Amino acid sequence: MIAKRIIPCLDVRDGRVVKGVNFAGLKDVNDPVTLARFYNEQGADELVFYDITASAEERGLFTDILQRVASEVFIPLTVGGGINQVADFERVLNCGADKVSVNSGALRRPELIAEGAKRYGSQCVVLSVDVRRVGENWHVFAKGGREDTGLEALAWIRQAEQLGAGELVINSMDTDGVKQGFDLDLLKAVSEITKLPIVASGGAGKSADFIELFQLPNIEAGLAASIFHYGEVKIPELKKQLQAVDIPVRIV
C-alpha cells in the first residue's frame, strides 16, 4: 500500500510566509527558509511553496527565495505562482523544484498543462484548484482566490486530467484556515470523477482530521499550513497516530 504523504505548505508574500482564513486576512508567520529547514528535519514527505501574489500582480515567481528554500530541503518540492508558460516551468525547475503547480495560468490557457506534461512528464505537472461552493455548485477561483471564474470545478478537473495533469491539489476555500476538518464532501466528489492522486488542502485542525481524510479513496496526501507553522500539530506525532490506526506513512 502506498504511504500517505504529509505536506506542509509555505504561502509566501513579499518574501515571508503568511497565513489567513478563507484566503483572506493574511498574517505574517515566519521566514520561508527557516520553515523549510524545520520541515525537512521534522520528516515532512514533501513541501509546497506558493508565491501567492505572483498571478494577481502579473509577475514571475521570486526565484531568489525559492533557491534558498530548495537548498534547505531534501524532500520533493512543489512550486507554484505565476506559472504561465513552459519557460516558467524551466525557471522554477532550475531553481530546485521537483514539481510545478499550475493554477491561474492554466485557467487562462489550458494547453499549458499539455505543454508542460509533454516537455517534463505528467508527474511534474500539478494542478492546484482553488474551490468554493457557490449555490449548489463548486466554482474554480483564480488569482489566489480573488476571482470567481464561474467554471464548475469537477468539469475543470476532468479537462485537466485529459490534458495531462499528473496530480491534483484541491484547496477548499470554504474550510481554509478554519481548522474544523477537511472538506470531505468536495474531496469525495473529486475522487469519484478522477483517477489522479489527490492532495487535500484546507481545514486541518488536529490529527484526527487526517485520520478521517485518509478514509476516502484516492486521497494520497494531506496538506496543511498554520497547524504545522504554529506547532499545534507536530509531524512526527501525527505520523505515529496515523500508523497506530494502520494508515501507512513514512517514518524517518
C-alpha atoms as a PDB file:
ATOM      1  CA  MET A   1       0.000   0.000   0.000  1.00  0.00           C
ATOM      2  CA  ILE A   2       1.287   3.458  -0.923  1.00  0.00           C
ATOM      3  CA  ALA A   3       2.312   5.546   2.083  1.00  0.00           C
ATOM      4  CA  LYS A   4       0.159   8.617   2.698  1.00  0.00           C
ATOM      5  CA  ARG A   5       2.031  11.903   2.477  1.00  0.00           C
ATOM      6  CA  ILE A   6       2.036  14.761   4.973  1.00  0.00           C
ATOM      7  CA  ILE A   7       2.803  18.064   3.251  1.00  0.00           C
ATOM      8  CA  PRO A   8       3.362  21.471   4.878  1.00  0.00           C
ATOM      9  CA  CYS A   9       2.611  24.492   2.693  1.00  0.00           C
ATOM     10  CA  LEU A  10       4.540  27.759   2.550  1.00  0.00           C
ATOM     11  CA  ASP A  11       2.335  30.596   1.279  1.00  0.00           C
ATOM     12  CA  VAL A  12       4.881  33.304   0.507  1.00  0.00           C
ATOM     13  CA  ARG A  13       4.156  37.016   0.082  1.00  0.00           C
ATOM     14  CA  ASP A  14       6.877  39.670  -0.087  1.00  0.00           C
ATOM     15  CA  GLY A  15       9.476  37.130   0.982  1.00  0.00           C
ATOM     16  CA  ARG A  16       7.630  35.991   4.121  1.00  0.00           C
ATOM     17  CA  VAL A  17       5.372  33.038   4.922  1.00  0.00           C
ATOM     18  CA  VAL A  18       1.820  34.239   5.636  1.00  0.00           C
ATOM     19  CA  LYS A  19      -1.456  32.564   6.587  1.00  0.00           C
ATOM     20  CA  GLY A  20      -5.075  33.660   6.728  1.00  0.00           C
ATOM     21  CA  VAL A  21      -8.604  32.266   6.924  1.00  0.00           C
ATOM     22  CA  ASN A  22     -10.706  31.570   3.814  1.00  0.00           C
ATOM     23  CA  PHE A  23      -7.863  33.069   1.714  1.00  0.00           C
ATOM     24  CA  ALA A  24      -8.175  36.442   3.485  1.00  0.00           C
ATOM     25  CA  GLY A  25      -6.751  38.305   6.499  1.00  0.00           C
ATOM     26  CA  LEU A  26      -3.166  37.207   5.863  1.00  0.00           C
ATOM     27  CA  LYS A  27      -0.783  37.446   8.812  1.00  0.00           C
ATOM     28  CA  ASP A  28       2.986  37.152   8.919  1.00  0.00           C
ATOM     29  CA  VAL A  29       4.236  33.769  10.182  1.00  0.00           C
ATOM     30  CA  ASN A  30       7.952  33.245   9.596  1.00  0.00           C
ATOM     31  CA  ASP A  31      10.888  33.199   7.217  1.00  0.00           C
ATOM     32  CA  PRO A  32      10.376  30.587   4.459  1.00  0.00           C
ATOM     33  CA  VAL A  33      13.956  29.326   4.579  1.00  0.00           C
ATOM     34  CA  THR A  34      13.765  28.738   8.332  1.00  0.00           C
ATOM     35  CA  LEU A  35      10.476  26.873   7.988  1.00  0.00           C
ATOM     36  CA  ALA A  36      11.727  24.793   5.058  1.00  0.00           C
ATOM     37  CA  ARG A  37      14.719  23.648   7.102  1.00  0.00           C
ATOM     38  CA  PHE A  38      12.444  22.819  10.047  1.00  0.00           C
ATOM     39  CA  TYR A  39      10.032  20.729   7.981  1.00  0.00           C
ATOM     40  CA  ASN A  40      12.841  18.847   6.299  1.00  0.00           C
ATOM     41  CA  GLU A  41      14.112  17.876   9.757  1.00  0.00           C
ATOM     42  CA  GLN A  42      10.615  17.043  11.045  1.00  0.00           C
ATOM     43  CA  GLY A  43      10.041  14.306   8.484  1.00  0.00           C
ATOM     44  CA  ALA A  44       7.624  16.023   6.110  1.00  0.00           C
ATOM     45  CA  ASP A  45       7.155  13.951   2.971  1.00  0.00           C
ATOM     46  CA  GLU A  46       7.065  16.908   0.613  1.00  0.00           C
ATOM     47  CA  LEU A  47       6.960  20.689   0.752  1.00  0.00           C
ATOM     48  CA  VAL A  48       4.781  23.074  -1.241  1.00  0.00           C
ATOM     49  CA  PHE A  49       5.934  26.634  -1.973  1.00  0.00           C
ATOM     50  CA  TYR A  50       3.361  29.095  -3.344  1.00  0.00           C
ATOM     51  CA  ASP A  51       4.229  32.658  -4.341  1.00  0.00           C
ATOM     52  CA  ILE A  52       0.630  33.655  -3.633  1.00  0.00           C
ATOM     53  CA  THR A  53       0.579  37.108  -5.229  1.00  0.00           C
ATOM     54  CA  ALA A  54       2.579  36.402  -8.393  1.00  0.00           C
ATOM     55  CA  SER A  55      -0.507  35.839 -10.587  1.00  0.00           C
ATOM     56  CA  ALA A  56      -2.517  38.732  -9.182  1.00  0.00           C
ATOM     57  CA  GLU A  57       0.482  41.042  -9.604  1.00  0.00           C
ATOM     58  CA  GLU A  58       1.170  39.626 -13.080  1.00  0.00           C
ATOM     59  CA  ARG A  59       4.831  38.944 -12.413  1.00  0.00           C
ATOM     60  CA  GLY A  60       7.178  35.979 -12.304  1.00  0.00           C
ATOM     61  CA  LEU A  61       7.811  33.979  -9.178  1.00  0.00           C
ATOM     62  CA  PHE A  62      10.538  35.239  -6.835  1.00  0.00           C
ATOM     63  CA  THR A  63      13.269  32.740  -7.696  1.00  0.00           C
ATOM     64  CA  ASP A  64      15.867  34.034  -5.231  1.00  0.00           C
ATOM     65  CA  ILE A  65      13.781  32.959  -2.232  1.00  0.00           C
ATOM     66  CA  LEU A  66      12.890  29.689  -3.956  1.00  0.00           C
ATOM     67  CA  GLN A  67      16.563  28.842  -4.490  1.00  0.00           C
ATOM     68  CA  ARG A  68      17.288  29.407  -0.806  1.00  0.00           C
ATOM     69  CA  VAL A  69      14.339  27.219   0.213  1.00  0.00           C
ATOM     70  CA  ALA A  70      15.324  24.445  -2.213  1.00  0.00           C
ATOM     71  CA  SER A  71      18.843  24.399  -0.794  1.00  0.00           C
ATOM     72  CA  GLU A  72      17.428  23.507   2.635  1.00  0.00           C
ATOM     73  CA  VAL A  73      15.214  20.549   1.708  1.00  0.00           C
ATOM     74  CA  PHE A  74      15.961  17.023   0.591  1.00  0.00           C
ATOM     75  CA  ILE A  75      12.334  16.075   0.032  1.00  0.00           C
ATOM     76  CA  PRO A  76      10.215  16.697  -3.091  1.00  0.00           C
ATOM     77  CA  LEU A  77       9.406  20.380  -3.572  1.00  0.00           C
ATOM     78  CA  THR A  78       6.326  21.562  -5.464  1.00  0.00           C
ATOM     79  CA  VAL A  79       6.342  25.199  -6.559  1.00  0.00           C
ATOM     80  CA  GLY A  80       3.565  27.431  -7.859  1.00  0.00           C
ATOM     81  CA  GLY A  81       2.768  31.073  -8.514  1.00  0.00           C
ATOM     82  CA  GLY A  82       2.956  32.967 -11.795  1.00  0.00           C
ATOM     83  CA  ILE A  83       3.337  29.840 -13.959  1.00  0.00           C
ATOM     84  CA  ASN A  84       2.009  30.994 -17.327  1.00  0.00           C
ATOM     85  CA  GLN A  85       4.232  29.354 -19.940  1.00  0.00           C
ATOM     86  CA  VAL A  86       6.623  26.442 -20.350  1.00  0.00           C
ATOM     87  CA  ALA A  87       9.567  28.772 -19.772  1.00  0.00           C
ATOM     88  CA  ASP A  88       8.227  29.308 -16.229  1.00  0.00           C
ATOM     89  CA  PHE A  89       8.394  25.537 -15.664  1.00  0.00           C
ATOM     90  CA  GLU A  90      12.037  25.554 -16.675  1.00  0.00           C
ATOM     91  CA  ARG A  91      12.812  28.530 -14.468  1.00  0.00           C
ATOM     92  CA  VAL A  92      11.460  27.004 -11.243  1.00  0.00           C
ATOM     93  CA  LEU A  93      12.788  23.516 -12.007  1.00  0.00           C
ATOM     94  CA  ASN A  94      16.235  25.023 -12.481  1.00  0.00           C
ATOM     95  CA  CYS A  95      15.864  26.628  -9.038  1.00  0.00           C
ATOM     96  CA  GLY A  96      15.381  23.240  -7.402  1.00  0.00           C
ATOM     97  CA  ALA A  97      11.676  22.426  -7.746  1.00  0.00           C
ATOM     98  CA  ASP A  98      10.682  18.819  -8.433  1.00  0.00           C
ATOM     99  CA  LYS A  99       7.097  19.514  -9.496  1.00  0.00           C
ATOM    100  CA  VAL A 100       5.373  22.602 -10.871  1.00  0.00           C
ATOM    101  CA  SER A 101       1.946  23.708  -9.707  1.00  0.00           C
ATOM    102  CA  VAL A 102      -0.281  25.450 -12.238  1.00  0.00           C
ATOM    103  CA  ASN A 103      -3.450  27.353 -11.393  1.00  0.00           C
ATOM    104  CA  SER A 104      -4.401  30.752 -12.830  1.00  0.00           C
ATOM    105  CA  GLY A 105      -2.077  30.361 -15.826  1.00  0.00           C
ATOM    106  CA  ALA A 106      -3.751  27.080 -16.793  1.00  0.00           C
ATOM    107  CA  LEU A 107      -7.199  28.614 -16.395  1.00  0.00           C
ATOM    108  CA  ARG A 108      -6.260  31.346 -18.853  1.00  0.00           C
ATOM    109  CA  ARG A 109      -4.633  28.868 -21.245  1.00  0.00           C
ATOM    110  CA  PRO A 110      -5.467  25.204 -20.548  1.00  0.00           C
ATOM    111  CA  GLU A 111      -2.979  23.976 -23.152  1.00  0.00           C
ATOM    112  CA  LEU A 112      -0.250  24.979 -20.683  1.00  0.00           C
ATOM    113  CA  ILE A 113      -0.973  21.681 -18.884  1.00  0.00           C
ATOM    114  CA  ALA A 114      -0.405  19.655 -22.058  1.00  0.00           C
ATOM    115  CA  GLU A 115       2.726  21.625 -22.938  1.00  0.00           C
ATOM    116  CA  GLY A 116       4.236  21.077 -19.505  1.00  0.00           C
ATOM    117  CA  ALA A 117       3.353  17.378 -19.498  1.00  0.00           C
ATOM    118  CA  LYS A 118       4.809  16.849 -22.969  1.00  0.00           C
ATOM    119  CA  ARG A 119       8.104  18.500 -22.092  1.00  0.00           C
ATOM    120  CA  TYR A 120       8.627  17.381 -18.483  1.00  0.00           C
ATOM    121  CA  GLY A 121       6.225  14.467 -17.997  1.00  0.00           C
ATOM    122  CA  SER A 122       2.810  14.355 -16.333  1.00  0.00           C
ATOM    123  CA  GLN A 123       4.384  13.574 -12.955  1.00  0.00           C
ATOM    124  CA  CYS A 124       5.847  17.094 -12.989  1.00  0.00           C
ATOM    125  CA  VAL A 125       2.527  18.884 -13.593  1.00  0.00           C
ATOM    126  CA  VAL A 126       0.378  19.518 -10.520  1.00  0.00           C
ATOM    127  CA  LEU A 127      -2.992  21.194 -10.994  1.00  0.00           C
ATOM    128  CA  SER A 128      -3.863  23.355  -7.998  1.00  0.00           C
ATOM    129  CA  VAL A 129      -7.572  24.156  -7.841  1.00  0.00           C
ATOM    130  CA  ASP A 130      -8.988  26.821  -5.510  1.00  0.00           C
ATOM    131  CA  VAL A 131     -12.602  25.801  -4.958  1.00  0.00           C
ATOM    132  CA  ARG A 132     -15.533  27.488  -3.210  1.00  0.00           C
ATOM    133  CA  ARG A 133     -19.154  26.410  -3.079  1.00  0.00           C
ATOM    134  CA  VAL A 134     -21.395  28.825  -4.965  1.00  0.00           C
ATOM    135  CA  GLY A 135     -25.049  27.881  -4.637  1.00  0.00           C
ATOM    136  CA  GLU A 136     -25.348  24.189  -5.477  1.00  0.00           C
ATOM    137  CA  ASN A 137     -22.058  24.015  -7.367  1.00  0.00           C
ATOM    138  CA  TRP A 138     -18.340  24.228  -6.694  1.00  0.00           C
ATOM    139  CA  HIS A 139     -16.654  27.037  -8.624  1.00  0.00           C
ATOM    140  CA  VAL A 140     -12.994  27.439  -9.505  1.00  0.00           C
ATOM    141  CA  PHE A 141     -11.388  30.673  -8.329  1.00  0.00           C
ATOM    142  CA  ALA A 142      -8.314  32.323  -9.853  1.00  0.00           C
ATOM    143  CA  LYS A 143      -5.633  34.827  -8.804  1.00  0.00           C
ATOM    144  CA  GLY A 144      -5.159  33.485  -5.298  1.00  0.00           C
ATOM    145  CA  GLY A 145      -8.889  33.117  -4.690  1.00  0.00           C
ATOM    146  CA  ARG A 146      -9.699  36.681  -5.708  1.00  0.00           C
ATOM    147  CA  GLU A 147     -11.665  35.967  -8.874  1.00  0.00           C
ATOM    148  CA  ASP A 148     -14.621  33.622  -9.450  1.00  0.00           C
ATOM    149  CA  THR A 149     -14.106  32.143 -12.900  1.00  0.00           C
ATOM    150  CA  GLY A 150     -17.624  30.712 -12.989  1.00  0.00           C
ATOM    151  CA  LEU A 151     -16.054  27.438 -14.073  1.00  0.00           C
ATOM    152  CA  GLU A 152     -17.510  24.301 -12.480  1.00  0.00           C
ATOM    153  CA  ALA A 153     -14.707  22.611 -10.533  1.00  0.00           C
ATOM    154  CA  LEU A 154     -15.398  18.967 -11.439  1.00  0.00           C
ATOM    155  CA  ALA A 155     -15.578  19.804 -15.148  1.00  0.00           C
ATOM    156  CA  TRP A 156     -12.252  21.647 -14.933  1.00  0.00           C
ATOM    157  CA  ILE A 157     -10.599  18.723 -13.150  1.00  0.00           C
ATOM    158  CA  ARG A 158     -11.797  16.287 -15.822  1.00  0.00           C
ATOM    159  CA  GLN A 159     -10.407  18.563 -18.548  1.00  0.00           C
ATOM    160  CA  ALA A 160      -7.064  18.923 -16.779  1.00  0.00           C
ATOM    161  CA  GLU A 161      -6.713  15.159 -16.408  1.00  0.00           C
ATOM    162  CA  GLN A 162      -7.314  14.717 -20.128  1.00  0.00           C
ATOM    163  CA  LEU A 163      -4.699  17.388 -20.894  1.00  0.00           C
ATOM    164  CA  GLY A 164      -2.044  15.524 -18.911  1.00  0.00           C
ATOM    165  CA  ALA A 165      -2.005  16.788 -15.317  1.00  0.00           C
ATOM    166  CA  GLY A 166      -0.369  14.221 -13.064  1.00  0.00           C
ATOM    167  CA  GLU A 167      -1.634  15.255  -9.626  1.00  0.00           C
ATOM    168  CA  LEU A 168      -4.320  17.439  -8.067  1.00  0.00           C
ATOM    169  CA  VAL A 169      -4.155  19.786  -5.105  1.00  0.00           C
ATOM    170  CA  ILE A 170      -7.708  20.569  -4.059  1.00  0.00           C
ATOM    171  CA  ASN A 171      -7.803  23.768  -1.998  1.00  0.00           C
ATOM    172  CA  SER A 172     -11.156  24.242  -0.263  1.00  0.00           C
ATOM    173  CA  MET A 173     -11.629  27.966   0.243  1.00  0.00           C
ATOM    174  CA  ASP A 174     -14.626  27.259   2.477  1.00  0.00           C
ATOM    175  CA  THR A 175     -12.572  25.341   5.044  1.00  0.00           C
ATOM    176  CA  ASP A 176      -9.215  27.119   4.599  1.00  0.00           C
ATOM    177  CA  GLY A 177      -7.769  28.148   7.965  1.00  0.00           C
ATOM    178  CA  VAL A 178     -10.991  27.267   9.822  1.00  0.00           C
ATOM    179  CA  LYS A 179      -9.436  24.161  11.458  1.00  0.00           C
ATOM    180  CA  GLN A 180     -12.699  22.220  11.587  1.00  0.00           C
ATOM    181  CA  GLY A 181     -11.642  19.418   9.259  1.00  0.00           C
ATOM    182  CA  PHE A 182     -11.067  18.889   5.550  1.00  0.00           C
ATOM    183  CA  ASP A 183     -13.885  19.490   3.044  1.00  0.00           C
ATOM    184  CA  LEU A 184     -14.852  15.815   2.785  1.00  0.00           C
ATOM    185  CA  ASP A 185     -17.901  16.405   0.569  1.00  0.00           C
ATOM    186  CA  LEU A 186     -15.793  18.203  -2.025  1.00  0.00           C
ATOM    187  CA  LEU A 187     -12.963  15.684  -1.828  1.00  0.00           C
ATOM    188  CA  LYS A 188     -15.332  12.725  -2.170  1.00  0.00           C
ATOM    189  CA  ALA A 189     -16.920  14.308  -5.248  1.00  0.00           C
ATOM    190  CA  VAL A 190     -13.494  14.856  -6.810  1.00  0.00           C
ATOM    191  CA  SER A 191     -12.318  11.316  -6.008  1.00  0.00           C
ATOM    192  CA  GLU A 192     -15.329   9.916  -7.849  1.00  0.00           C
ATOM    193  CA  ILE A 193     -14.532  11.610 -11.168  1.00  0.00           C
ATOM    194  CA  THR A 194     -10.739  11.254 -11.447  1.00  0.00           C
ATOM    195  CA  LYS A 195      -8.042   8.621 -11.155  1.00  0.00           C
ATOM    196  CA  LEU A 196      -5.353  11.198 -10.393  1.00  0.00           C
ATOM    197  CA  PRO A 197      -3.727  11.263  -6.944  1.00  0.00           C
ATOM    198  CA  ILE A 198      -5.364  13.911  -4.799  1.00  0.00           C
ATOM    199  CA  VAL A 199      -3.690  16.186  -2.275  1.00  0.00           C
ATOM    200  CA  ALA A 200      -6.303  17.593   0.114  1.00  0.00           C
ATOM    201  CA  SER A 201      -5.817  21.155   1.364  1.00  0.00           C
ATOM    202  CA  GLY A 202      -7.810  23.387   3.670  1.00  0.00           C
ATOM    203  CA  GLY A 203      -9.328  22.756   7.072  1.00  0.00           C
ATOM    204  CA  ALA A 204      -6.930  20.599   9.079  1.00  0.00           C
ATOM    205  CA  GLY A 205      -7.108  21.440  12.778  1.00  0.00           C
ATOM    206  CA  LYS A 206      -5.988  18.276  14.557  1.00  0.00           C
ATOM    207  CA  SER A 207      -4.519  14.841  13.918  1.00  0.00           C
ATOM    208  CA  ALA A 208      -7.966  13.232  13.826  1.00  0.00           C
ATOM    209  CA  ASP A 209      -8.780  15.285  10.728  1.00  0.00           C
ATOM    210  CA  PHE A 210      -6.025  13.476   8.820  1.00  0.00           C
ATOM    211  CA  ILE A 211      -7.252  10.090  10.031  1.00  0.00           C
ATOM    212  CA  GLU A 212     -10.740  10.952   8.759  1.00  0.00           C
ATOM    213  CA  LEU A 213      -9.335  12.283   5.491  1.00  0.00           C
ATOM    214  CA  PHE A 214      -7.431   9.123   4.641  1.00  0.00           C
ATOM    215  CA  GLN A 215     -10.591   7.009   4.783  1.00  0.00           C
ATOM    216  CA  LEU A 216     -11.544   8.493   1.404  1.00  0.00           C
ATOM    217  CA  PRO A 217     -10.375   6.806  -1.828  1.00  0.00           C
ATOM    218  CA  ASN A 218      -7.624   8.345  -3.992  1.00  0.00           C
ATOM    219  CA  ILE A 219      -6.549  10.785  -1.269  1.00  0.00           C
ATOM    220  CA  GLU A 220      -2.795  10.339  -1.201  1.00  0.00           C
ATOM    221  CA  ALA A 221      -1.762  13.361   0.844  1.00  0.00           C
ATOM    222  CA  GLY A 222      -2.921  15.914   3.362  1.00  0.00           C
ATOM    223  CA  LEU A 223      -1.583  19.447   3.066  1.00  0.00           C
ATOM    224  CA  ALA A 224      -1.722  21.986   5.869  1.00  0.00           C
ATOM    225  CA  ALA A 225      -0.099  25.234   6.928  1.00  0.00           C
ATOM    226  CA  SER A 226      -0.995  27.016  10.158  1.00  0.00           C
ATOM    227  CA  ILE A 227      -1.311  23.930  12.392  1.00  0.00           C
ATOM    228  CA  PHE A 228       2.239  22.980  11.421  1.00  0.00           C
ATOM    229  CA  HIS A 229       3.600  26.542  11.439  1.00  0.00           C
ATOM    230  CA  TYR A 230       2.338  27.206  14.970  1.00  0.00           C
ATOM    231  CA  GLY A 231       3.196  23.756  16.341  1.00  0.00           C
ATOM    232  CA  GLU A 232      -0.431  22.807  17.022  1.00  0.00           C
ATOM    233  CA  VAL A 233       0.218  19.501  15.259  1.00  0.00           C
ATOM    234  CA  LYS A 234       3.743  18.110  15.065  1.00  0.00           C
ATOM    235  CA  ILE A 235       4.518  15.941  12.061  1.00  0.00           C
ATOM    236  CA  PRO A 236       6.362  13.124  13.919  1.00  0.00           C
ATOM    237  CA  GLU A 237       3.474  12.736  16.400  1.00  0.00           C
ATOM    238  CA  LEU A 238       0.898  12.926  13.611  1.00  0.00           C
ATOM    239  CA  LYS A 239       2.591  10.114  11.730  1.00  0.00           C
ATOM    240  CA  LYS A 240       2.722   7.948  14.851  1.00  0.00           C
ATOM    241  CA  GLN A 241      -1.019   8.422  15.324  1.00  0.00           C
ATOM    242  CA  LEU A 242      -1.691   7.544  11.689  1.00  0.00           C
ATOM    243  CA  GLN A 243       0.486   4.466  11.951  1.00  0.00           C
ATOM    244  CA  ALA A 244      -1.355   3.399  15.112  1.00  0.00           C
ATOM    245  CA  VAL A 245      -4.611   3.125  13.147  1.00  0.00           C
ATOM    246  CA  ASP A 246      -2.962   1.262  10.248  1.00  0.00           C
ATOM    247  CA  ILE A 247      -2.662   4.209   7.862  1.00  0.00           C
ATOM    248  CA  PRO A 248       0.652   3.696   6.049  1.00  0.00           C
ATOM    249  CA  VAL A 249       3.128   6.557   6.423  1.00  0.00           C
ATOM    250  CA  ARG A 250       6.863   7.061   6.013  1.00  0.00           C
ATOM    251  CA  ILE A 251       8.614   7.209   9.375  1.00  0.00           C
ATOM    252  CA  VAL A 252      12.040   8.852   9.372  1.00  0.00           C
END
